[in-house]
Amino acid sequence: MNIHTVIIFLLAAVCPDIMAQRRWTVTDAETGVPVRDVQVFFNGDKTRRAVTDYRGTVSLPDTARFIQMSHPKYETLVADTVTVRDTVFLLPNIRRLNELVVVGHRPQVSSSMMADVKKAAVAAAPPSNGISFDFFELFNWKKRKKQRERMEAIKDY
């Protein structure tokens, strides 16, 4: 028998144990929709983990005996891999916020506050001494028009 044949038979005998994996599908218990981005920790070690893909599937090595599945929208599931079948159902977390509504009100602005704003706006305007010349500012008529409208609005407010 050739030495290469012996090596191939030995590798074939050893490799299935090394590469053996189990695959699970994680779904929502209410809707049956696959859940993505579920963190799956195995054998009680927080550094050894896997994440479900967009189809809700995750593959773990066959050496994994205990799994912990967690997702912010679902209750955490801790189970033994012997009791878990090919589909895992996660229960929705009832303590989560479904919707948040933020309502804002316009503050009351007094005339004395606007007087300070007008003074600050006029003081912040760049001084024009008539000496500088920018060729490209000749073509920027929209900017000048908007600036003129803003200054008039501040003076008339």
Protein backbone atom coordinates (compact mmCIF):
# COMPACT_ATOMS: atom_id res chain seq x y z
CA MET A 1 0.00 0.00 0.00
CA ASN A 2 1.24 3.46 -0.91
CA ILE A 3 2.15 5.95 1.87
CA HIS A 4 -0.15 8.58 0.35
CA THR A 5 -3.11 6.21 0.57
CA VAL A 6 -2.41 5.57 4.26
CA ILE A 7 -2.25 9.30 4.98
CA ILE A 8 -5.54 9.91 3.16
CA PHE A 9 -7.29 7.16 5.15
CA LEU A 10 -5.95 8.54 8.43
CA LEU A 11 -7.08 12.08 7.58
CA ALA A 12 -10.51 10.82 6.55
CA ALA A 13 -10.85 9.03 9.88
CA VAL A 14 -9.77 12.05 11.96
CA CYS A 15 -11.37 15.00 10.10
CA PRO A 16 -15.09 14.33 10.70
CA ASP A 17 -14.59 14.72 14.43
CA ILE A 18 -12.65 17.94 13.99
CA MET A 19 -15.02 19.60 11.53
CA ALA A 20 -18.35 18.31 12.90
CA GLN A 21 -20.85 21.13 13.32
CA ARG A 22 -24.50 21.51 14.15
CA ARG A 23 -26.76 24.06 12.49
CA TRP A 24 -29.77 25.74 14.10
CA THR A 25 -32.37 28.19 12.85
CA VAL A 26 -33.46 30.88 15.31
CA THR A 27 -37.01 32.20 14.78
CA ASP A 28 -39.53 34.45 16.51
CA ALA A 29 -41.95 32.38 18.59
CA GLU A 30 -44.96 34.55 17.68
CA THR A 31 -44.44 35.08 13.96
CA GLY A 32 -42.04 32.30 12.95
CA VAL A 33 -39.83 34.82 11.14
CA PRO A 34 -36.07 34.12 11.28
CA VAL A 35 -34.18 36.42 13.65
CA ARG A 36 -30.85 37.88 12.56
CA ASP A 37 -27.95 39.09 14.73
CA VAL A 38 -28.64 36.76 17.67
CA GLN A 39 -25.54 36.31 19.82
CA VAL A 40 -24.99 32.60 20.53
CA PHE A 41 -22.48 31.83 23.29
CA PHE A 42 -21.54 28.23 23.92
CA ASN A 43 -20.05 26.16 26.74
CA GLY A 44 -20.45 29.03 29.22
CA ASP A 45 -17.60 31.01 27.68
CA LYS A 46 -18.43 34.60 26.67
CA THR A 47 -15.47 34.74 24.28
CA ARG A 48 -16.64 31.77 22.21
CA ARG A 49 -19.62 32.98 20.26
CA ALA A 50 -21.39 32.93 16.92
CA VAL A 51 -23.95 35.27 15.33
CA THR A 52 -26.99 34.31 13.25
CA ASP A 53 -27.10 35.45 9.64
CA TYR A 54 -30.00 37.05 7.76
CA ARG A 55 -31.76 33.66 7.52
CA GLY A 56 -31.49 33.16 11.27
CA THR A 57 -29.10 30.21 10.94
CA VAL A 58 -26.07 29.61 13.09
CA SER A 59 -23.47 26.82 13.04
CA LEU A 60 -21.69 25.71 16.18
CA PRO A 61 -19.07 23.02 16.69
CA ASP A 62 -20.27 19.64 17.84
CA THR A 63 -18.30 20.13 21.07
CA ALA A 64 -20.76 22.81 22.20
CA ARG A 65 -22.85 21.37 25.05
CA PHE A 66 -24.54 24.44 26.54
CA ILE A 67 -25.74 27.44 24.53
CA GLN A 68 -26.97 30.89 25.49
CA MET A 69 -28.86 32.89 22.86
CA SER A 70 -29.40 36.61 23.43
CA HIS A 71 -30.90 39.47 21.43
CA PRO A 72 -32.07 42.89 22.68
CA LYS A 73 -35.64 42.34 21.47
CA TYR A 74 -35.99 38.79 22.84
CA GLU A 75 -35.70 36.93 26.12
CA THR A 76 -32.36 35.20 26.67
CA LEU A 77 -32.47 31.44 26.16
CA VAL A 78 -30.10 29.08 27.97
CA ALA A 79 -30.31 25.42 26.96
CA ASP A 80 -28.50 22.14 26.58
CA THR A 81 -27.68 21.24 22.97
CA VAL A 82 -29.02 17.72 23.50
CA THR A 83 -32.53 19.05 24.11
CA VAL A 84 -32.47 21.68 21.36
CA ARG A 85 -33.68 20.56 17.93
CA ASP A 86 -32.91 22.21 14.58
CA THR A 87 -35.23 25.21 15.16
CA VAL A 88 -35.08 27.45 18.23
CA PHE A 89 -37.98 29.78 19.08
CA LEU A 90 -37.21 32.99 20.98
CA LEU A 91 -39.90 34.76 22.99
CA PRO A 92 -40.25 38.53 22.48
CA ASN A 93 -39.13 40.69 25.37
CA ILE A 94 -42.24 42.28 26.93
CA ARG A 95 -40.19 44.95 28.76
CA ARG A 96 -38.92 46.67 25.64
CA LEU A 97 -40.09 50.01 24.28
CA ASN A 98 -41.99 49.64 21.04
CA GLU A 99 -42.39 53.31 20.24
CA LEU A 100 -41.16 56.58 21.64
CA VAL A 101 -42.89 59.87 20.86
CA VAL A 102 -41.05 63.13 21.52
CA VAL A 103 -43.06 66.34 21.52
CA GLY A 104 -41.42 69.75 21.52
CA HIS A 105 -42.84 73.22 22.01
CA ARG A 106 -41.55 76.48 20.60
CA PRO A 107 -40.04 78.66 23.32
CA GLN A 108 -41.51 82.07 23.96
CA VAL A 109 -39.17 84.76 22.60
CA SER A 110 -39.37 88.22 24.09
CA SER A 111 -38.54 91.44 22.27
CA SER A 112 -35.61 92.13 24.60
CA MET A 113 -34.04 88.83 23.57
CA MET A 114 -34.43 89.73 19.90
CA ALA A 115 -32.78 93.11 20.46
CA ASP A 116 -29.68 91.32 21.74
CA VAL A 117 -29.78 88.98 18.75
CA LYS A 118 -30.02 91.92 16.34
CA LYS A 119 -27.03 93.62 17.96
CA ALA A 120 -24.99 90.43 17.79
CA ALA A 121 -25.91 89.84 14.13
CA VAL A 122 -24.96 93.36 13.13
CA ALA A 123 -21.70 93.15 15.11
CA ALA A 124 -20.85 89.78 13.49
CA ALA A 125 -21.30 91.13 9.96
CA PRO A 126 -17.95 91.50 8.22
CA PRO A 127 -16.80 95.10 7.88
CA SER A 128 -16.72 96.46 4.37
CA ASN A 129 -14.03 99.00 3.69
CA GLY A 130 -14.51 99.00 -0.09
CA ILE A 131 -10.88 98.20 -0.84
CA SER A 132 -11.02 94.43 -1.35
CA PHE A 133 -12.16 92.93 -4.63
CA ASP A 134 -13.08 89.33 -5.36
CA PHE A 135 -13.77 88.57 -9.00
CA PHE A 136 -15.87 85.46 -8.29
CA GLU A 137 -18.15 87.28 -5.85
CA LEU A 138 -19.53 89.13 -8.89
CA PHE A 139 -21.18 85.90 -9.99
CA ASN A 140 -22.48 84.92 -6.55
CA TRP A 141 -25.69 86.97 -6.69
CA LYS A 142 -27.75 84.34 -4.86
CA LYS A 143 -25.56 84.59 -1.79
CA ARG A 144 -25.78 88.39 -1.76
CA LYS A 145 -29.56 88.28 -2.18
CA LYS A 146 -29.98 85.80 0.70
CA GLN A 147 -27.64 87.82 2.91
CA ARG A 148 -29.57 91.03 2.15
CA GLU A 149 -32.90 89.32 2.95
CA ARG A 150 -31.55 87.98 6.24
CA MET A 151 -30.28 91.38 7.33
CA GLU A 152 -33.62 93.02 6.48
CA ALA A 153 -35.50 90.31 8.36
CA ILE A 154 -33.32 90.84 11.44
CA LYS A 155 -33.80 94.62 11.31
CA ASP A 156 -37.58 94.31 10.83
CA TYR A 157 -38.11 91.68 13.51
